PDB file of N, CA and C in Angstrom:
ATOM      1  N   UNK A   1      63.382 -25.509   8.335  1.00  0.00           N
ATOM      2  CA  UNK A   1      63.023 -26.769   8.301  1.00  0.00           C
ATOM      3  C   UNK A   1      63.120 -27.687   9.479  1.00  0.00           C
ATOM      4  N   UNK A   2      61.722 -28.684   9.343  1.00  0.00           N
ATOM      5  CA  UNK A   2      61.292 -29.174  10.682  1.00  0.00           C
ATOM      6  C   UNK A   2      61.186 -30.729  10.070  1.00  0.00           C
ATOM      7  N   UNK A   3      61.907 -32.001  11.080  1.00  0.00           N
ATOM      8  CA  UNK A   3      61.285 -32.909  11.066  1.00  0.00           C
ATOM      9  C   UNK A   3      59.791 -33.369  11.271  1.00  0.00           C
ATOM     10  N   UNK A   4      59.250 -33.701  10.714  1.00  0.00           N
ATOM     11  CA  UNK A   4      58.039 -34.613  11.148  1.00  0.00           C
ATOM     12  C   UNK A   4      57.735 -35.460  10.659  1.00  0.00           C
ATOM     13  N   UNK A   5      57.683 -36.513  11.520  1.00  0.00           N
ATOM     14  CA  UNK A   5      57.608 -38.228  11.168  1.00  0.00           C
ATOM     15  C   UNK A   5      58.453 -38.605  10.171  1.00  0.00           C
ATOM     16  N   UNK A   6      59.880 -38.050  10.649  1.00  0.00           N
ATOM     17  CA  UNK A   6      60.791 -38.610   9.998  1.00  0.00           C
ATOM     18  C   UNK A   6      61.128 -37.970   8.390  1.00  0.00           C
ATOM     19  N   UNK A   7      60.145 -36.776   8.231  1.00  0.00           N
ATOM     20  CA  UNK A   7      60.246 -35.988   6.925  1.00  0.00           C
ATOM     21  C   UNK A   7      60.756 -34.666   7.329  1.00  0.00           C
ATOM     22  N   UNK A   8      61.299 -34.379   6.048  1.00  0.00           N
ATOM     23  CA  UNK A   8      61.415 -32.853   6.289  1.00  0.00           C
ATOM     24  C   UNK A   8      60.384 -32.011   5.413  1.00  0.00           C
ATOM     25  N   UNK A   9      59.997 -31.249   6.643  1.00  0.00           N
ATOM     26  CA  UNK A   9      58.681 -30.142   6.140  1.00  0.00           C
ATOM     27  C   UNK A   9      58.987 -28.701   6.514  1.00  0.00           C
ATOM     28  N   UNK A  10      58.712 -27.607   5.175  1.00  0.00           N
ATOM     29  CA  UNK A  10      59.056 -26.492   5.544  1.00  0.00           C
ATOM     30  C   UNK A  10      57.887 -25.959   6.221  1.00  0.00           C
ATOM     31  N   UNK A  11      58.278 -24.758   6.886  1.00  0.00           N
ATOM     32  CA  UNK A  11      57.368 -24.387   8.633  1.00  0.00           C
ATOM     33  C   UNK A  11      56.106 -23.576   7.492  1.00  0.00           C
ATOM     34  N   UNK A  12      56.423 -23.046   6.484  1.00  0.00           N
ATOM     35  CA  UNK A  12      54.895 -22.737   5.496  1.00  0.00           C
ATOM     36  C   UNK A  12      54.051 -23.599   5.709  1.00  0.00           C
ATOM     37  N   UNK A  13      54.331 -24.711   5.282  1.00  0.00           N
ATOM     38  CA  UNK A  13      53.193 -25.914   5.208  1.00  0.00           C
ATOM     39  C   UNK A  13      52.808 -26.267   6.837  1.00  0.00           C
ATOM     40  N   UNK A  14      53.180 -26.502   7.778  1.00  0.00           N
ATOM     41  CA  UNK A  14      52.759 -26.441   9.059  1.00  0.00           C
ATOM     42  C   UNK A  14      52.150 -25.363   9.286  1.00  0.00           C
ATOM     43  N   UNK A  15      52.503 -24.092   9.172  1.00  0.00           N
ATOM     44  CA  UNK A  15      51.318 -22.986   9.348  1.00  0.00           C
ATOM     45  C   UNK A  15      50.065 -22.997   8.666  1.00  0.00           C
ATOM     46  N   UNK A  16      50.288 -23.192   7.312  1.00  0.00           N
ATOM     47  CA  UNK A  16      49.346 -23.509   6.583  1.00  0.00           C
ATOM     48  C   UNK A  16      48.092 -24.464   6.981  1.00  0.00           C
ATOM     49  N   UNK A  17      48.741 -25.666   7.853  1.00  0.00           N
ATOM     50  CA  UNK A  17      47.808 -26.760   8.398  1.00  0.00           C
ATOM     51  C   UNK A  17      47.135 -26.322   9.265  1.00  0.00           C
ATOM     52  N   UNK A  18      47.716 -25.614  10.399  1.00  0.00           N
ATOM     53  CA  UNK A  18      47.152 -24.915  11.533  1.00  0.00           C
ATOM     54  C   UNK A  18      46.295 -23.629  11.518  1.00  0.00           C
ATOM     55  N   UNK A  19      46.506 -23.136   9.737  1.00  0.00           N
ATOM     56  CA  UNK A  19      45.260 -22.214   9.597  1.00  0.00           C
ATOM     57  C   UNK A  19      43.965 -23.032   9.254  1.00  0.00           C
ATOM     58  N   UNK A  20      44.080 -23.667   8.207  1.00  0.00           N
ATOM     59  CA  UNK A  20      42.993 -24.841   7.923  1.00  0.00           C
ATOM     60  C   UNK A  20      42.193 -25.371   8.955  1.00  0.00           C
ATOM     61  N   UNK A  21      43.302 -25.570  10.127  1.00  0.00           N
ATOM     62  CA  UNK A  21      42.378 -26.436  11.147  1.00  0.00           C
ATOM     63  C   UNK A  21      41.412 -25.256  11.963  1.00  0.00           C
ATOM     64  N   UNK A  22      42.525 -24.139  12.243  1.00  0.00           N
ATOM     65  CA  UNK A  22      41.585 -23.240  13.200  1.00  0.00           C
ATOM     66  C   UNK A  22      40.160 -22.747  12.186  1.00  0.00           C
ATOM     67  N   UNK A  23      40.397 -22.744  10.791  1.00  0.00           N
ATOM     68  CA  UNK A  23      39.152 -22.401  10.233  1.00  0.00           C
ATOM     69  C   UNK A  23      38.110 -23.352  10.357  1.00  0.00           C
ATOM     70  N   UNK A  24      38.452 -24.439   9.862  1.00  0.00           N
ATOM     71  CA  UNK A  24      37.700 -25.823  10.241  1.00  0.00           C
ATOM     72  C   UNK A  24      36.805 -25.755  11.693  1.00  0.00           C
ATOM     73  N   UNK A  25      37.735 -25.536  12.489  1.00  0.00           N
ATOM     74  CA  UNK A  25      37.112 -25.206  14.044  1.00  0.00           C
ATOM     75  C   UNK A  25      36.233 -24.394  14.212  1.00  0.00           C
ATOM     76  N   UNK A  26      36.337 -23.086  13.704  1.00  0.00           N
ATOM     77  CA  UNK A  26      35.568 -21.931  13.717  1.00  0.00           C
ATOM     78  C   UNK A  26      34.222 -22.087  12.922  1.00  0.00           C
ATOM     79  N   UNK A  27      34.217 -22.894  11.607  1.00  0.00           N
ATOM     80  CA  UNK A  27      32.855 -23.181  11.012  1.00  0.00           C
ATOM     81  C   UNK A  27      32.040 -24.279  11.791  1.00  0.00           C
ATOM     82  N   UNK A  28      32.886 -25.117  12.456  1.00  0.00           N
ATOM     83  CA  UNK A  28      31.966 -26.410  13.136  1.00  0.00           C
ATOM     84  C   UNK A  28      31.704 -25.631  14.155  1.00  0.00           C
ATOM     85  N   UNK A  29      32.354 -24.786  14.979  1.00  0.00           N
ATOM     86  CA  UNK A  29      31.631 -24.180  16.099  1.00  0.00           C
ATOM     87  C   UNK A  29      30.085 -22.946  15.631  1.00  0.00           C
ATOM     88  N   UNK A  30      30.388 -22.770  14.735  1.00  0.00           N
ATOM     89  CA  UNK A  30      29.277 -21.468  14.341  1.00  0.00           C
ATOM     90  C   UNK A  30      28.215 -22.812  13.956  1.00  0.00           C
ATOM     91  N   UNK A  31      28.557 -23.681  13.104  1.00  0.00           N
ATOM     92  CA  UNK A  31      27.719 -24.886  12.643  1.00  0.00           C
ATOM     93  C   UNK A  31      26.524 -25.304  13.887  1.00  0.00           C
ATOM     94  N   UNK A  32      27.860 -25.565  14.988  1.00  0.00           N
ATOM     95  CA  UNK A  32      26.852 -26.449  16.198  1.00  0.00           C
ATOM     96  C   UNK A  32      26.403 -25.463  16.798  1.00  0.00           C
ATOM     97  N   UNK A  33      26.711 -24.370  17.120  1.00  0.00           N
ATOM     98  CA  UNK A  33      25.811 -22.827  17.669  1.00  0.00           C
ATOM     99  C   UNK A  33      24.525 -23.137  16.807  1.00  0.00           C
ATOM    100  N   UNK A  34      24.216 -22.679  15.730  1.00  0.00           N
ATOM    101  CA  UNK A  34      23.144 -22.600  15.338  1.00  0.00           C
ATOM    102  C   UNK A  34      22.172 -24.162  15.258  1.00  0.00           C
ATOM    103  N   UNK A  35      22.969 -25.164  15.245  1.00  0.00           N
ATOM    104  CA  UNK A  35      21.668 -26.477  15.414  1.00  0.00           C
ATOM    105  C   UNK A  35      21.222 -26.645  16.856  1.00  0.00           C
ATOM    106  N   UNK A  36      21.811 -25.830  17.759  1.00  0.00           N
ATOM    107  CA  UNK A  36      21.492 -25.771  19.322  1.00  0.00           C
ATOM    108  C   UNK A  36      20.540 -24.512  18.968  1.00  0.00           C
ATOM    109  N   UNK A  37      20.822 -23.770  18.763  1.00  0.00           N
ATOM    110  CA  UNK A  37      19.672 -22.534  18.418  1.00  0.00           C
ATOM    111  C   UNK A  37      18.319 -23.328  18.107  1.00  0.00           C
ATOM    112  N   UNK A  38      18.668 -23.436  16.881  1.00  0.00           N
ATOM    113  CA  UNK A  38      17.306 -24.567  16.275  1.00  0.00           C
ATOM    114  C   UNK A  38      16.679 -25.387  16.664  1.00  0.00           C
ATOM    115  N   UNK A  39      17.296 -26.280  17.812  1.00  0.00           N
ATOM    116  CA  UNK A  39      16.542 -27.503  18.701  1.00  0.00           C
ATOM    117  C   UNK A  39      16.019 -26.229  19.799  1.00  0.00           C
ATOM    118  N   UNK A  40      16.598 -25.576  20.299  1.00  0.00           N
ATOM    119  CA  UNK A  40      15.681 -24.630  21.583  1.00  0.00           C
ATOM    120  C   UNK A  40      14.594 -24.107  20.991  1.00  0.00           C
ATOM    121  N   UNK A  41      14.778 -23.456  19.819  1.00  0.00           N
ATOM    122  CA  UNK A  41      13.461 -23.134  18.973  1.00  0.00           C
ATOM    123  C   UNK A  41      12.302 -23.774  18.415  1.00  0.00           C
ATOM    124  N   UNK A  42      12.499 -24.945  18.545  1.00  0.00           N
ATOM    125  CA  UNK A  42      11.939 -25.831  17.841  1.00  0.00           C
ATOM    126  C   UNK A  42      11.196 -26.387  19.334  1.00  0.00           C
ATOM    127  N   UNK A  43      11.820 -26.288  20.531  1.00  0.00           N
ATOM    128  CA  UNK A  43      11.322 -27.050  21.481  1.00  0.00           C
ATOM    129  C   UNK A  43      10.445 -26.072  22.115  1.00  0.00           C
ATOM    130  N   UNK A  44      10.598 -24.688  21.994  1.00  0.00           N
ATOM    131  CA  UNK A  44       9.607 -23.338  22.173  1.00  0.00           C
ATOM    132  C   UNK A  44       8.396 -23.333  21.517  1.00  0.00           C
ATOM    133  N   UNK A  45       8.448 -23.616  20.277  1.00  0.00           N
ATOM    134  CA  UNK A  45       7.400 -23.681  19.234  1.00  0.00           C
ATOM    135  C   UNK A  45       6.551 -24.761  19.898  1.00  0.00           C
ATOM    136  N   UNK A  46       7.070 -26.168  20.047  1.00  0.00           N
ATOM    137  CA  UNK A  46       6.306 -27.089  20.595  1.00  0.00           C
ATOM    138  C   UNK A  46       5.294 -26.963  21.673  1.00  0.00           C
ATOM    139  N   UNK A  47       6.261 -26.523  23.022  1.00  0.00           N
ATOM    140  CA  UNK A  47       5.708 -26.169  23.968  1.00  0.00           C
ATOM    141  C   UNK A  47       4.436 -25.312  24.006  1.00  0.00           C
ATOM    142  N   UNK A  48       4.760 -23.920  23.218  1.00  0.00           N
ATOM    143  CA  UNK A  48       3.832 -23.134  22.739  1.00  0.00           C
ATOM    144  C   UNK A  48       2.346 -23.565  22.017  1.00  0.00           C
ATOM    145  N   UNK A  49       2.799 -24.341  21.382  1.00  0.00           N
ATOM    146  CA  UNK A  49       1.643 -25.674  20.502  1.00  0.00           C
ATOM    147  C   UNK A  49       0.621 -26.120  20.913  1.00  0.00           C
ATOM    148  N   UNK A  50       1.372 -26.742  22.250  1.00  0.00           N
ATOM    149  CA  UNK A  50       0.827 -27.906  22.928  1.00  0.00           C
ATOM    150  C   UNK A  50       0.047 -26.772  24.267  1.00  0.00           C
ATOM    151  N   UNK A  51       0.474 -25.933  24.437  1.00  0.00           N
ATOM    152  CA  UNK A  51      -0.610 -25.113  25.568  1.00  0.00           C
ATOM    153  C   UNK A  51      -1.494 -24.665  24.711  1.00  0.00           C
ATOM    154  N   UNK A  52      -1.640 -23.750  23.676  1.00  0.00           N
ATOM    155  CA  UNK A  52      -2.533 -22.923  23.100  1.00  0.00           C
ATOM    156  C   UNK A  52      -3.559 -24.519  22.565  1.00  0.00           C
ATOM    157  N   UNK A  53      -3.246 -25.848  22.243  1.00  0.00           N
ATOM    158  CA  UNK A  53      -4.346 -26.619  22.305  1.00  0.00           C
ATOM    159  C   UNK A  53      -4.823 -26.856  23.447  1.00  0.00           C
ATOM    160  N   UNK A  54      -4.220 -26.921  24.705  1.00  0.00           N
ATOM    161  CA  UNK A  54      -4.848 -27.032  25.641  1.00  0.00           C
ATOM    162  C   UNK A  54      -5.859 -25.868  26.091  1.00  0.00           C
ATOM    163  N   UNK A  55      -5.560 -24.711  26.006  1.00  0.00           N
ATOM    164  CA  UNK A  55      -6.064 -23.709  26.147  1.00  0.00           C
ATOM    165  C   UNK A  55      -7.798 -23.867  25.280  1.00  0.00           C
ATOM    166  N   UNK A  56      -7.380 -24.269  23.804  1.00  0.00           N
ATOM    167  CA  UNK A  56      -8.610 -23.875  23.201  1.00  0.00           C
ATOM    168  C   UNK A  56      -9.387 -25.220  23.697  1.00  0.00           C
ATOM    169  N   UNK A  57      -9.013 -26.433  23.928  1.00  0.00           N
ATOM    170  CA  UNK A  57      -9.861 -27.572  24.419  1.00  0.00           C
ATOM    171  C   UNK A  57     -10.492 -27.037  25.694  1.00  0.00           C
ATOM    172  N   UNK A  58      -9.954 -26.148  26.636  1.00  0.00           N
ATOM    173  CA  UNK A  58     -10.630 -25.749  27.925  1.00  0.00           C
ATOM    174  C   UNK A  58     -11.352 -24.960  27.559  1.00  0.00           C
ATOM    175  N   UNK A  59     -11.604 -24.266  26.529  1.00  0.00           N
ATOM    176  CA  UNK A  59     -12.347 -22.996  25.868  1.00  0.00           C
ATOM    177  C   UNK A  59     -13.677 -23.787  25.900  1.00  0.00           C
ATOM    178  N   UNK A  60     -13.403 -24.753  24.896  1.00  0.00           N
ATOM    179  CA  UNK A  60     -14.743 -25.396  24.453  1.00  0.00           C
ATOM    180  C   UNK A  60     -15.327 -26.334  25.536  1.00  0.00           C
ATOM    181  N   UNK A  61     -14.672 -26.827  26.582  1.00  0.00           N
ATOM    182  CA  UNK A  61     -15.314 -27.824  27.199  1.00  0.00           C
ATOM    183  C   UNK A  61     -15.452 -26.725  29.053  1.00  0.00           C
ATOM    184  N   UNK A  62     -15.182 -25.316  28.992  1.00  0.00           N
ATOM    185  CA  UNK A  62     -15.537 -24.754  30.256  1.00  0.00           C
ATOM    186  C   UNK A  62     -16.696 -24.459  30.291  1.00  0.00           C
ATOM    187  N   UNK A  63     -17.737 -24.852  31.485  1.00  0.00           N
ATOM    188  CA  UNK A  63     -19.139 -24.588  31.865  1.00  0.00           C
ATOM    189  C   UNK A  63     -19.347 -23.876  32.829  1.00  0.00           C
ATOM    190  N   UNK A  64     -18.633 -23.812  33.778  1.00  0.00           N
ATOM    191  CA  UNK A  64     -18.606 -23.225  34.862  1.00  0.00           C
ATOM    192  C   UNK A  64     -17.751 -22.060  34.930  1.00  0.00           C
ATOM    193  N   UNK A  65     -18.137 -20.719  36.003  1.00  0.00           N
ATOM    194  CA  UNK A  65     -17.437 -19.451  36.169  1.00  0.00           C
ATOM    195  C   UNK A  65     -15.855 -19.806  36.435  1.00  0.00           C
ATOM    196  N   UNK A  66     -15.329 -21.004  37.238  1.00  0.00           N
ATOM    197  CA  UNK A  66     -14.039 -20.843  37.470  1.00  0.00           C
ATOM    198  C   UNK A  66     -13.918 -22.588  37.367  1.00  0.00           C
ATOM    199  N   UNK A  67     -12.978 -23.361  36.995  1.00  0.00           N
ATOM    200  CA  UNK A  67     -12.489 -24.613  37.002  1.00  0.00           C
ATOM    201  C   UNK A  67     -11.307 -24.890  36.585  1.00  0.00           C
ATOM    202  N   UNK A  68     -10.792 -26.101  36.784  1.00  0.00           N
ATOM    203  CA  UNK A  68      -9.587 -26.914  36.141  1.00  0.00           C
ATOM    204  C   UNK A  68      -9.576 -27.675  35.627  1.00  0.00           C
ATOM    205  N   UNK A  69      -8.564 -28.076  34.816  1.00  0.00           N
ATOM    206  CA  UNK A  69      -8.386 -29.332  33.656  1.00  0.00           C
ATOM    207  C   UNK A  69      -7.286 -29.769  33.709  1.00  0.00           C
ATOM    208  N   UNK A  70      -7.066 -30.979  34.022  1.00  0.00           N
ATOM    209  CA  UNK A  70      -5.980 -31.872  33.772  1.00  0.00           C
ATOM    210  C   UNK A  70      -5.594 -32.639  32.727  1.00  0.00           C
ATOM    211  N   UNK A  71      -4.580 -32.209  31.755  1.00  0.00           N
ATOM    212  CA  UNK A  71      -4.077 -33.148  30.455  1.00  0.00           C
ATOM    213  C   UNK A  71      -3.190 -34.105  30.536  1.00  0.00           C
ATOM    214  N   UNK A  72      -2.923 -35.034  29.963  1.00  0.00           N
ATOM    215  CA  UNK A  72      -1.610 -35.389  29.901  1.00  0.00           C
ATOM    216  C   UNK A  72       0.059 -34.680  29.996  1.00  0.00           C
ATOM    217  N   UNK A  73      -0.656 -33.688  28.841  1.00  0.00           N
ATOM    218  CA  UNK A  73       0.722 -32.727  29.197  1.00  0.00           C
ATOM    219  C   UNK A  73       0.912 -31.481  29.816  1.00  0.00           C
ATOM    220  N   UNK A  74      -0.358 -31.418  30.880  1.00  0.00           N
ATOM    221  CA  UNK A  74      -0.231 -29.922  31.561  1.00  0.00           C
ATOM    222  C   UNK A  74      -1.577 -29.496  31.940  1.00  0.00           C
ATOM    223  N   UNK A  75      -1.655 -28.782  33.186  1.00  0.00           N
ATOM    224  CA  UNK A  75      -2.956 -28.468  33.503  1.00  0.00           C
ATOM    225  C   UNK A  75      -3.486 -27.088  33.173  1.00  0.00           C
ATOM    226  N   UNK A  76      -4.648 -26.722  32.901  1.00  0.00           N
ATOM    227  CA  UNK A  76      -5.363 -25.635  32.621  1.00  0.00           C
ATOM    228  C   UNK A  76      -6.053 -25.345  33.879  1.00  0.00           C
ATOM    229  N   UNK A  77      -6.040 -24.237  34.445  1.00  0.00           N
ATOM    230  CA  UNK A  77      -7.089 -23.628  35.011  1.00  0.00           C
ATOM    231  C   UNK A  77      -8.052 -21.964  34.324  1.00  0.00           C
ATOM    232  N   UNK A  78      -9.043 -22.146  34.568  1.00  0.00           N
ATOM    233  CA  UNK A  78      -9.830 -20.949  33.628  1.00  0.00           C
ATOM    234  C   UNK A  78     -10.565 -20.379  34.666  1.00  0.00           C
ATOM    235  N   UNK A  79     -11.041 -19.094  34.161  1.00  0.00           N
ATOM    236  CA  UNK A  79     -11.947 -18.216  35.130  1.00  0.00           C
ATOM    237  C   UNK A  79     -12.717 -17.069  33.888  1.00  0.00           C
ATOM    238  N   UNK A  80     -13.680 -17.257  34.123  1.00  0.00           N
ATOM    239  CA  UNK A  80     -14.636 -16.452  33.537  1.00  0.00           C
ATOM    240  C   UNK A  80     -14.838 -14.802  34.001  1.00  0.00           C
ATOM    241  N   UNK A  81     -14.488 -14.041  33.220  1.00  0.00           N
ATOM    242  CA  UNK A  81     -14.652 -12.490  33.656  1.00  0.00           C
ATOM    243  C   UNK A  81     -14.782 -11.651  32.879  1.00  0.00           C
ATOM    244  N   UNK A  82     -15.836 -10.491  33.231  1.00  0.00           N
ATOM    245  CA  UNK A  82     -16.476  -9.588  31.970  1.00  0.00           C
ATOM    246  C   UNK A  82     -16.517  -9.929  30.751  1.00  0.00           C
ATOM    247  N   UNK A  83     -17.112 -11.292  30.365  1.00  0.00           N
ATOM    248  CA  UNK A  83     -17.053 -11.632  29.111  1.00  0.00           C
ATOM    249  C   UNK A  83     -16.047 -12.076  28.418  1.00  0.00           C
ATOM    250  N   UNK A  84     -15.147 -12.604  29.083  1.00  0.00           N
ATOM    251  CA  UNK A  84     -13.921 -12.921  28.405  1.00  0.00           C
ATOM    252  C   UNK A  84     -13.531 -14.200  29.844  1.00  0.00           C
ATOM    253  N   UNK A  85     -13.088 -15.299  28.830  1.00  0.00           N
ATOM    254  CA  UNK A  85     -12.270 -16.592  29.432  1.00  0.00           C
ATOM    255  C   UNK A  85     -10.918 -16.164  29.549  1.00  0.00           C
ATOM    256  N   UNK A  86     -10.221 -16.573  30.911  1.00  0.00           N
ATOM    257  CA  UNK A  86      -8.703 -16.270  31.091  1.00  0.00           C
ATOM    258  C   UNK A  86      -8.343 -18.048  31.323  1.00  0.00           C
ATOM    259  N   UNK A  87      -7.456 -18.537  30.828  1.00  0.00           N
ATOM    260  CA  UNK A  87      -6.834 -19.690  30.940  1.00  0.00           C
ATOM    261  C   UNK A  87      -5.745 -19.537  31.050  1.00  0.00           C
ATOM    262  N   UNK A  88      -5.213 -19.906  32.191  1.00  0.00           N
ATOM    263  CA  UNK A  88      -3.976 -20.184  32.423  1.00  0.00           C
ATOM    264  C   UNK A  88      -3.407 -21.490  32.413  1.00  0.00           C
ATOM    265  N   UNK A  89      -2.319 -22.039  31.148  1.00  0.00           N
ATOM    266  CA  UNK A  89      -2.117 -23.518  31.247  1.00  0.00           C
ATOM    267  C   UNK A  89      -0.545 -23.366  31.351  1.00  0.00           C
ATOM    268  N   UNK A  90      -0.410 -24.885  32.895  1.00  0.00           N
ATOM    269  CA  UNK A  90       1.048 -24.838  33.026  1.00  0.00           C
ATOM    270  C   UNK A  90       1.630 -26.418  32.740  1.00  0.00           C
ATOM    271  N   UNK A  91       2.663 -26.400  32.020  1.00  0.00           N
ATOM    272  CA  UNK A  91       3.141 -27.503  31.368  1.00  0.00           C
ATOM    273  C   UNK A  91       4.159 -28.399  32.704  1.00  0.00           C
ATOM    274  N   UNK A  92       4.551 -29.285  32.001  1.00  0.00           N
ATOM    275  CA  UNK A  92       5.132 -30.249  33.429  1.00  0.00           C
ATOM    276  C   UNK A  92       6.651 -29.702  33.445  1.00  0.00           C
ATOM    277  N   UNK A  93       7.189 -28.878  32.533  1.00  0.00           N
ATOM    278  CA  UNK A  93       8.298 -28.397  32.332  1.00  0.00           C
ATOM    279  C   UNK A  93       8.233 -26.859  33.207  1.00  0.00           C
ATOM    280  N   UNK A  94       7.379 -26.563  33.965  1.00  0.00           N
ATOM    281  CA  UNK A  94       7.366 -25.577  34.937  1.00  0.00           C
ATOM    282  C   UNK A  94       6.840 -24.364  33.850  1.00  0.00           C
ATOM    283  N   UNK A  95       6.624 -24.632  32.441  1.00  0.00           N
ATOM    284  CA  UNK A  95       6.270 -23.478  31.705  1.00  0.00           C
ATOM    285  C   UNK A  95       4.572 -22.869  31.699  1.00  0.00           C
ATOM    286  N   UNK A  96       4.355 -21.551  31.870  1.00  0.00           N
ATOM    287  CA  UNK A  96       3.146 -21.010  31.912  1.00  0.00           C
ATOM    288  C   UNK A  96       2.851 -20.240  31.085  1.00  0.00           C
ATOM    289  N   UNK A  97       1.502 -20.493  30.423  1.00  0.00           N
ATOM    290  CA  UNK A  97       0.738 -19.855  28.990  1.00  0.00           C
ATOM    291  C   UNK A  97      -0.218 -18.957  29.785  1.00  0.00           C
ATOM    292  N   UNK A  98      -0.477 -17.662  29.245  1.00  0.00           N
ATOM    293  CA  UNK A  98      -1.775 -16.995  29.706  1.00  0.00           C
ATOM    294  C   UNK A  98      -2.765 -16.909  28.464  1.00  0.00           C
ATOM    295  N   UNK A  99      -4.039 -17.136  28.334  1.00  0.00           N
ATOM    296  CA  UNK A  99      -4.578 -16.900  26.936  1.00  0.00           C
ATOM    297  C   UNK A  99      -6.120 -16.323  27.467  1.00  0.00           C
ATOM    298  N   UNK A 100      -6.731 -15.261  26.757  1.00  0.00           N
ATOM    299  CA  UNK A 100      -7.703 -14.874  26.763  1.00  0.00           C
ATOM    300  C   UNK A 100      -8.590 -14.997  25.871  1.00  0.00           C
ATOM    301  N   UNK A 101      -9.719 -15.369  26.028  1.00  0.00           N
ATOM    302  CA  UNK A 101     -10.665 -15.817  24.743  1.00  0.00           C
ATOM    303  C   UNK A 101     -12.047 -14.875  24.941  1.00  0.00           C
ATOM    304  N   UNK A 102     -12.678 -14.318  24.058  1.00  0.00           N
ATOM    305  CA  UNK A 102     -13.797 -13.871  24.135  1.00  0.00           C
ATOM    306  C   UNK A 102     -14.881 -14.847  24.193  1.00  0.00           C
ATOM    307  N   UNK A 103     -15.888 -14.477  25.502  1.00  0.00           N
ATOM    308  CA  UNK A 103     -16.911 -15.390  25.644  1.00  0.00           C
ATOM    309  C   UNK A 103     -17.926 -15.367  24.356  1.00  0.00           C
ATOM    310  N   UNK A 104     -18.185 -16.898  23.708  1.00  0.00           N
ATOM    311  CA  UNK A 104     -19.403 -16.997  22.968  1.00  0.00           C
ATOM    312  C   UNK A 104     -20.827 -16.789  23.323  1.00  0.00           C
TER     313      UNK A 104
END
């Protein structure tokens, strides 16, 4: 028997409490890992969606063989080659996305 806060406590109860605390810590760690992974995935999807939208707007606005369009959320460079429009979108966080569209 151990004395804990001026009370007699059996060792089995202390071991059980430590086991429950360890299990809770593992579950919490797993949960927080999933939350962080979901947030990273959400940010990646948001960046890809913004880049694709800028590429589609560039496709609609492209008049010359080569050009450069500046948006609030990034920059798009385009180039017509062999009946295809190649668009490179650069976001402020240094991510770069490449798209190829067929010439209409």
